[in-house]
N, C-alpha and C. Protein backbone atom coordinates (compact mmCIF):
# COMPACT_ATOMS: atom_id res chain seq x y z
N MET A 1 -58.17 44.50 -4.81
CA MET A 1 -58.50 44.07 -6.16
C MET A 1 -57.32 44.35 -7.07
N LEU A 2 -57.56 44.63 -8.32
CA LEU A 2 -56.48 44.87 -9.27
C LEU A 2 -56.20 46.35 -9.37
N LEU A 3 -54.93 46.69 -9.26
CA LEU A 3 -54.53 48.07 -9.49
C LEU A 3 -54.48 48.29 -10.99
N GLY A 4 -54.08 49.48 -11.39
CA GLY A 4 -54.05 49.78 -12.81
C GLY A 4 -53.07 48.90 -13.58
N PHE A 5 -53.42 48.56 -14.80
CA PHE A 5 -52.54 47.83 -15.68
C PHE A 5 -52.86 48.21 -17.12
N SER A 6 -51.91 47.97 -18.00
CA SER A 6 -52.09 48.31 -19.41
C SER A 6 -52.35 47.06 -20.22
N LEU A 7 -53.27 47.17 -21.17
CA LEU A 7 -53.54 46.11 -22.12
C LEU A 7 -53.07 46.61 -23.48
N LEU A 8 -51.99 46.06 -23.97
CA LEU A 8 -51.41 46.48 -25.23
C LEU A 8 -51.98 45.65 -26.37
N TYR A 9 -52.35 46.31 -27.44
CA TYR A 9 -52.83 45.59 -28.62
C TYR A 9 -51.74 44.66 -29.14
N ASP A 10 -50.48 45.08 -29.05
CA ASP A 10 -49.36 44.28 -29.52
C ASP A 10 -49.35 42.90 -28.85
N THR A 11 -49.71 42.86 -27.57
CA THR A 11 -49.65 41.64 -26.79
C THR A 11 -50.96 40.86 -26.81
N VAL A 12 -52.08 41.56 -26.63
CA VAL A 12 -53.37 40.89 -26.49
C VAL A 12 -53.99 40.60 -27.85
N GLY A 13 -54.13 41.61 -28.69
CA GLY A 13 -54.78 41.42 -29.98
C GLY A 13 -56.15 40.80 -29.81
N THR A 14 -56.42 39.74 -30.53
CA THR A 14 -57.71 39.07 -30.39
C THR A 14 -57.63 37.85 -29.48
N THR A 15 -56.44 37.60 -28.90
CA THR A 15 -56.28 36.51 -27.93
C THR A 15 -56.73 37.02 -26.57
N PRO A 16 -57.61 36.32 -25.88
CA PRO A 16 -58.08 36.81 -24.58
C PRO A 16 -56.95 36.94 -23.55
N TYR A 17 -57.03 38.01 -22.74
CA TYR A 17 -56.16 38.18 -21.59
C TYR A 17 -57.03 37.96 -20.36
N TYR A 18 -56.61 37.07 -19.46
CA TYR A 18 -57.38 36.74 -18.27
C TYR A 18 -56.70 37.28 -17.02
N THR A 19 -57.50 37.83 -16.12
CA THR A 19 -56.97 38.25 -14.83
C THR A 19 -56.83 37.03 -13.93
N THR A 20 -56.14 37.20 -12.83
CA THR A 20 -56.03 36.14 -11.83
C THR A 20 -57.41 35.91 -11.21
N PRO A 21 -57.85 34.66 -11.08
CA PRO A 21 -59.16 34.40 -10.47
C PRO A 21 -59.18 34.83 -9.00
N PHE A 22 -60.37 35.18 -8.54
CA PHE A 22 -60.57 35.53 -7.13
C PHE A 22 -61.88 34.94 -6.65
N ALA A 23 -62.01 34.81 -5.32
CA ALA A 23 -63.17 34.16 -4.72
C ALA A 23 -64.39 35.07 -4.71
N ARG A 24 -65.52 34.48 -4.92
CA ARG A 24 -66.81 35.18 -4.83
C ARG A 24 -67.06 35.55 -3.37
N ARG A 25 -67.68 36.71 -3.13
CA ARG A 25 -68.01 37.15 -1.77
C ARG A 25 -69.50 37.45 -1.63
N GLY A 26 -70.27 37.01 -2.61
CA GLY A 26 -71.71 37.18 -2.60
C GLY A 26 -72.26 36.55 -3.86
N LEU A 27 -73.57 36.36 -3.91
CA LEU A 27 -74.17 35.74 -5.08
C LEU A 27 -74.35 36.72 -6.24
N ALA A 28 -74.21 38.00 -5.95
CA ALA A 28 -74.36 39.03 -6.98
C ALA A 28 -73.39 40.17 -6.68
N ALA A 29 -73.05 40.94 -7.73
CA ALA A 29 -72.12 42.05 -7.54
C ALA A 29 -72.23 43.03 -8.69
N LEU A 30 -71.80 44.26 -8.38
CA LEU A 30 -71.65 45.29 -9.41
C LEU A 30 -70.15 45.38 -9.70
N PHE A 31 -69.76 45.03 -10.93
CA PHE A 31 -68.36 45.08 -11.35
C PHE A 31 -68.14 46.36 -12.14
N SER A 32 -66.96 46.94 -11.99
CA SER A 32 -66.63 48.18 -12.70
C SER A 32 -65.24 48.09 -13.31
N ILE A 33 -65.07 48.81 -14.41
CA ILE A 33 -63.78 48.96 -15.07
C ILE A 33 -63.63 50.44 -15.38
N GLN A 34 -62.55 51.03 -14.93
CA GLN A 34 -62.28 52.44 -15.23
C GLN A 34 -61.12 52.51 -16.21
N THR A 35 -61.33 53.16 -17.34
CA THR A 35 -60.26 53.37 -18.31
C THR A 35 -59.69 54.76 -18.09
N THR A 36 -58.36 54.83 -17.93
CA THR A 36 -57.72 56.10 -17.64
C THR A 36 -56.92 56.64 -18.82
N HIS A 37 -56.51 55.77 -19.73
CA HIS A 37 -55.78 56.18 -20.93
C HIS A 37 -56.20 55.28 -22.08
N VAL A 38 -56.38 55.87 -23.25
CA VAL A 38 -56.72 55.11 -24.45
C VAL A 38 -55.90 55.66 -25.61
N ARG A 39 -55.29 54.76 -26.37
CA ARG A 39 -54.58 55.19 -27.57
C ARG A 39 -54.99 54.27 -28.71
N GLY A 40 -55.59 54.84 -29.75
CA GLY A 40 -55.99 54.07 -30.92
C GLY A 40 -57.49 53.95 -31.03
N ALA A 41 -57.93 53.56 -32.21
CA ALA A 41 -59.36 53.39 -32.50
C ALA A 41 -59.74 51.93 -32.25
N LEU A 42 -59.72 51.54 -31.01
CA LEU A 42 -60.00 50.18 -30.62
C LEU A 42 -61.24 50.11 -29.75
N THR A 43 -61.80 48.93 -29.65
CA THR A 43 -62.85 48.64 -28.68
C THR A 43 -62.30 47.58 -27.74
N LEU A 44 -62.41 47.85 -26.44
CA LEU A 44 -62.00 46.88 -25.43
C LEU A 44 -63.24 46.09 -25.03
N ASN A 45 -63.19 44.79 -25.22
CA ASN A 45 -64.30 43.90 -24.85
C ASN A 45 -63.94 43.22 -23.54
N ALA A 46 -64.80 43.38 -22.54
CA ALA A 46 -64.54 42.81 -21.22
C ALA A 46 -65.70 41.92 -20.80
N VAL A 47 -65.35 40.76 -20.25
CA VAL A 47 -66.33 39.77 -19.83
C VAL A 47 -66.01 39.34 -18.41
N VAL A 48 -67.03 39.18 -17.57
CA VAL A 48 -66.87 38.58 -16.25
C VAL A 48 -67.16 37.10 -16.42
N GLN A 49 -66.20 36.26 -16.06
CA GLN A 49 -66.38 34.82 -16.17
C GLN A 49 -66.41 34.20 -14.77
N HIS A 50 -67.05 33.04 -14.67
CA HIS A 50 -67.14 32.38 -13.36
C HIS A 50 -67.16 30.87 -13.53
N LYS A 51 -66.82 30.18 -12.44
CA LYS A 51 -66.90 28.72 -12.40
C LYS A 51 -66.86 28.27 -10.95
N ASN A 52 -67.35 27.07 -10.71
CA ASN A 52 -67.18 26.43 -9.41
C ASN A 52 -65.83 25.72 -9.40
N ARG A 53 -65.31 25.44 -8.22
CA ARG A 53 -63.98 24.83 -8.12
C ARG A 53 -63.87 23.52 -8.89
N GLU A 54 -64.94 22.73 -8.87
CA GLU A 54 -64.88 21.43 -9.54
C GLU A 54 -65.12 21.52 -11.06
N ASP A 55 -65.54 22.67 -11.56
CA ASP A 55 -65.76 22.84 -13.00
C ASP A 55 -64.43 22.81 -13.74
N THR A 56 -64.45 22.31 -14.96
CA THR A 56 -63.23 22.25 -15.76
C THR A 56 -63.11 23.40 -16.74
N SER A 57 -64.17 24.19 -16.89
CA SER A 57 -64.10 25.32 -17.81
C SER A 57 -64.86 26.52 -17.24
N TRP A 58 -64.52 27.69 -17.76
CA TRP A 58 -65.14 28.93 -17.34
C TRP A 58 -66.34 29.23 -18.23
N SER A 59 -67.34 29.92 -17.68
CA SER A 59 -68.48 30.39 -18.48
C SER A 59 -68.67 31.88 -18.25
N ASN A 60 -69.29 32.53 -19.20
CA ASN A 60 -69.52 33.97 -19.10
C ASN A 60 -70.69 34.26 -18.16
N ALA A 61 -70.45 35.12 -17.18
CA ALA A 61 -71.50 35.55 -16.26
C ALA A 61 -72.15 36.83 -16.77
N GLY A 62 -71.39 37.63 -17.52
CA GLY A 62 -71.91 38.88 -18.06
C GLY A 62 -70.84 39.59 -18.87
N SER A 63 -71.30 40.42 -19.82
CA SER A 63 -70.38 41.15 -20.70
C SER A 63 -70.62 42.65 -20.58
N PHE A 64 -69.54 43.39 -20.48
CA PHE A 64 -69.62 44.85 -20.51
C PHE A 64 -69.93 45.29 -21.94
N SER A 65 -70.56 46.45 -22.09
CA SER A 65 -70.68 47.05 -23.41
C SER A 65 -69.27 47.39 -23.88
N GLY A 66 -69.05 47.38 -25.19
CA GLY A 66 -67.72 47.68 -25.72
C GLY A 66 -67.20 49.01 -25.20
N ILE A 67 -65.97 49.03 -24.71
CA ILE A 67 -65.36 50.23 -24.13
C ILE A 67 -64.47 50.86 -25.20
N THR A 68 -64.74 52.14 -25.50
CA THR A 68 -63.98 52.84 -26.54
C THR A 68 -63.35 54.14 -26.05
N ALA A 69 -63.66 54.58 -24.85
CA ALA A 69 -63.19 55.89 -24.39
C ALA A 69 -62.89 55.86 -22.90
N LEU A 70 -62.36 56.96 -22.40
CA LEU A 70 -62.10 57.11 -20.98
C LEU A 70 -63.40 57.09 -20.20
N GLY A 71 -63.34 56.59 -18.97
CA GLY A 71 -64.52 56.63 -18.12
C GLY A 71 -64.71 55.35 -17.35
N LEU A 72 -65.88 55.26 -16.72
CA LEU A 72 -66.22 54.14 -15.87
C LEU A 72 -67.33 53.33 -16.53
N SER A 73 -67.13 52.03 -16.64
CA SER A 73 -68.14 51.12 -17.16
C SER A 73 -68.51 50.16 -16.03
N SER A 74 -69.80 49.87 -15.91
CA SER A 74 -70.25 48.99 -14.83
C SER A 74 -71.15 47.89 -15.37
N LEU A 75 -71.19 46.78 -14.64
CA LEU A 75 -71.98 45.62 -15.03
C LEU A 75 -72.51 44.95 -13.77
N ASP A 76 -73.81 44.76 -13.71
CA ASP A 76 -74.45 44.08 -12.59
C ASP A 76 -74.63 42.61 -12.96
N VAL A 77 -74.11 41.70 -12.11
CA VAL A 77 -74.16 40.27 -12.40
C VAL A 77 -74.77 39.55 -11.20
N THR A 78 -75.64 38.59 -11.48
CA THR A 78 -76.26 37.78 -10.43
C THR A 78 -75.94 36.30 -10.65
N SER A 79 -76.28 35.49 -9.68
CA SER A 79 -76.10 34.03 -9.75
C SER A 79 -74.65 33.63 -10.03
N LEU A 80 -73.74 34.25 -9.31
CA LEU A 80 -72.32 33.98 -9.51
C LEU A 80 -71.90 32.66 -8.89
N LYS A 81 -70.96 31.99 -9.57
CA LYS A 81 -70.37 30.77 -9.04
C LYS A 81 -69.21 31.14 -8.12
N GLU A 82 -68.43 30.16 -7.68
CA GLU A 82 -67.43 30.35 -6.63
C GLU A 82 -66.20 31.16 -7.02
N GLU A 83 -65.74 31.06 -8.26
CA GLU A 83 -64.53 31.75 -8.69
C GLU A 83 -64.86 32.72 -9.82
N ILE A 84 -64.20 33.89 -9.80
CA ILE A 84 -64.48 34.97 -10.75
C ILE A 84 -63.17 35.39 -11.42
N ARG A 85 -63.25 35.79 -12.68
CA ARG A 85 -62.12 36.41 -13.36
C ARG A 85 -62.67 37.31 -14.48
N PHE A 86 -61.82 38.20 -14.96
CA PHE A 86 -62.14 39.04 -16.11
C PHE A 86 -61.41 38.50 -17.33
N ALA A 87 -62.02 38.61 -18.50
CA ALA A 87 -61.38 38.28 -19.77
C ALA A 87 -61.48 39.52 -20.66
N PHE A 88 -60.36 39.90 -21.28
CA PHE A 88 -60.30 41.08 -22.15
C PHE A 88 -59.84 40.69 -23.54
N THR A 89 -60.47 41.28 -24.56
CA THR A 89 -60.00 41.17 -25.94
C THR A 89 -60.22 42.53 -26.60
N PHE A 90 -59.58 42.72 -27.74
CA PHE A 90 -59.76 43.93 -28.54
C PHE A 90 -60.53 43.61 -29.81
N SER A 91 -61.24 44.60 -30.30
CA SER A 91 -61.79 44.52 -31.65
C SER A 91 -61.61 45.90 -32.28
N GLY A 92 -61.65 45.94 -33.59
CA GLY A 92 -61.44 47.20 -34.30
C GLY A 92 -60.10 47.22 -34.99
N ALA A 93 -59.77 48.38 -35.53
CA ALA A 93 -58.55 48.53 -36.33
C ALA A 93 -57.37 48.91 -35.44
N GLY A 94 -56.80 47.93 -34.77
CA GLY A 94 -55.66 48.20 -33.90
C GLY A 94 -54.35 48.03 -34.62
N SER A 95 -53.34 48.67 -34.09
CA SER A 95 -51.99 48.49 -34.61
C SER A 95 -51.00 48.58 -33.45
N LEU A 96 -49.74 48.33 -33.74
CA LEU A 96 -48.71 48.36 -32.70
C LEU A 96 -48.72 49.69 -31.95
N GLY A 97 -48.63 49.62 -30.65
CA GLY A 97 -48.62 50.83 -29.83
C GLY A 97 -49.98 51.26 -29.31
N HIS A 98 -51.06 50.69 -29.81
CA HIS A 98 -52.39 51.03 -29.29
C HIS A 98 -52.61 50.28 -27.98
N PHE A 99 -53.29 50.93 -27.04
CA PHE A 99 -53.47 50.32 -25.73
C PHE A 99 -54.64 50.94 -24.96
N PHE A 100 -55.02 50.27 -23.90
CA PHE A 100 -55.94 50.78 -22.88
C PHE A 100 -55.23 50.66 -21.54
N ARG A 101 -55.34 51.66 -20.70
CA ARG A 101 -54.88 51.60 -19.31
C ARG A 101 -56.15 51.49 -18.48
N VAL A 102 -56.27 50.42 -17.71
CA VAL A 102 -57.50 50.17 -16.95
C VAL A 102 -57.21 50.01 -15.47
N PHE A 103 -58.22 50.29 -14.68
CA PHE A 103 -58.20 50.10 -13.24
C PHE A 103 -59.48 49.35 -12.90
N ILE A 104 -59.36 48.28 -12.13
CA ILE A 104 -60.54 47.51 -11.73
C ILE A 104 -60.72 47.64 -10.23
N PRO A 105 -61.69 48.46 -9.80
CA PRO A 105 -61.94 48.58 -8.36
C PRO A 105 -62.62 47.32 -7.81
N PRO A 106 -62.60 47.13 -6.50
CA PRO A 106 -63.27 45.95 -5.92
C PRO A 106 -64.76 45.95 -6.28
N PRO A 107 -65.32 44.77 -6.53
CA PRO A 107 -66.75 44.70 -6.82
C PRO A 107 -67.58 45.12 -5.61
N ALA A 108 -68.76 45.62 -5.89
CA ALA A 108 -69.73 45.94 -4.82
C ALA A 108 -70.59 44.69 -4.64
N TRP A 109 -70.20 43.84 -3.69
CA TRP A 109 -70.88 42.56 -3.48
C TRP A 109 -72.22 42.77 -2.80
N ARG A 110 -73.19 41.97 -3.19
CA ARG A 110 -74.48 41.95 -2.51
C ARG A 110 -74.51 40.70 -1.64
N PRO A 111 -75.02 40.81 -0.44
CA PRO A 111 -74.95 39.69 0.51
C PRO A 111 -75.76 38.48 0.05
N TYR A 112 -75.37 37.35 0.62
CA TYR A 112 -76.13 36.12 0.40
C TYR A 112 -77.51 36.28 1.00
N SER A 113 -78.48 35.64 0.39
CA SER A 113 -79.85 35.72 0.95
C SER A 113 -80.27 34.40 1.51
């Protein structure tokens, strides 16, 4: 999956940052985001998006609660389409130099039924 990476307010701001899409491995999964470093009074908004290969646009499969501190956040999503990606944005009073360092472990896929 994705190793750790930093999301800088300077770069992302309110413009969404998208991860590289990856293939679904089950119709449902538990997605997690671990924040290891936080600087600033920001909220990190994270969304799991999905689409089928023939779709021309992405739709939201589920949204994490706003992330404001260190720790692990999880989201259970069902009825997933073929391709998955994460979208991140910031909200709150951010300024230059504020950031989140995140790690996204592999999803816990639930088998097809």
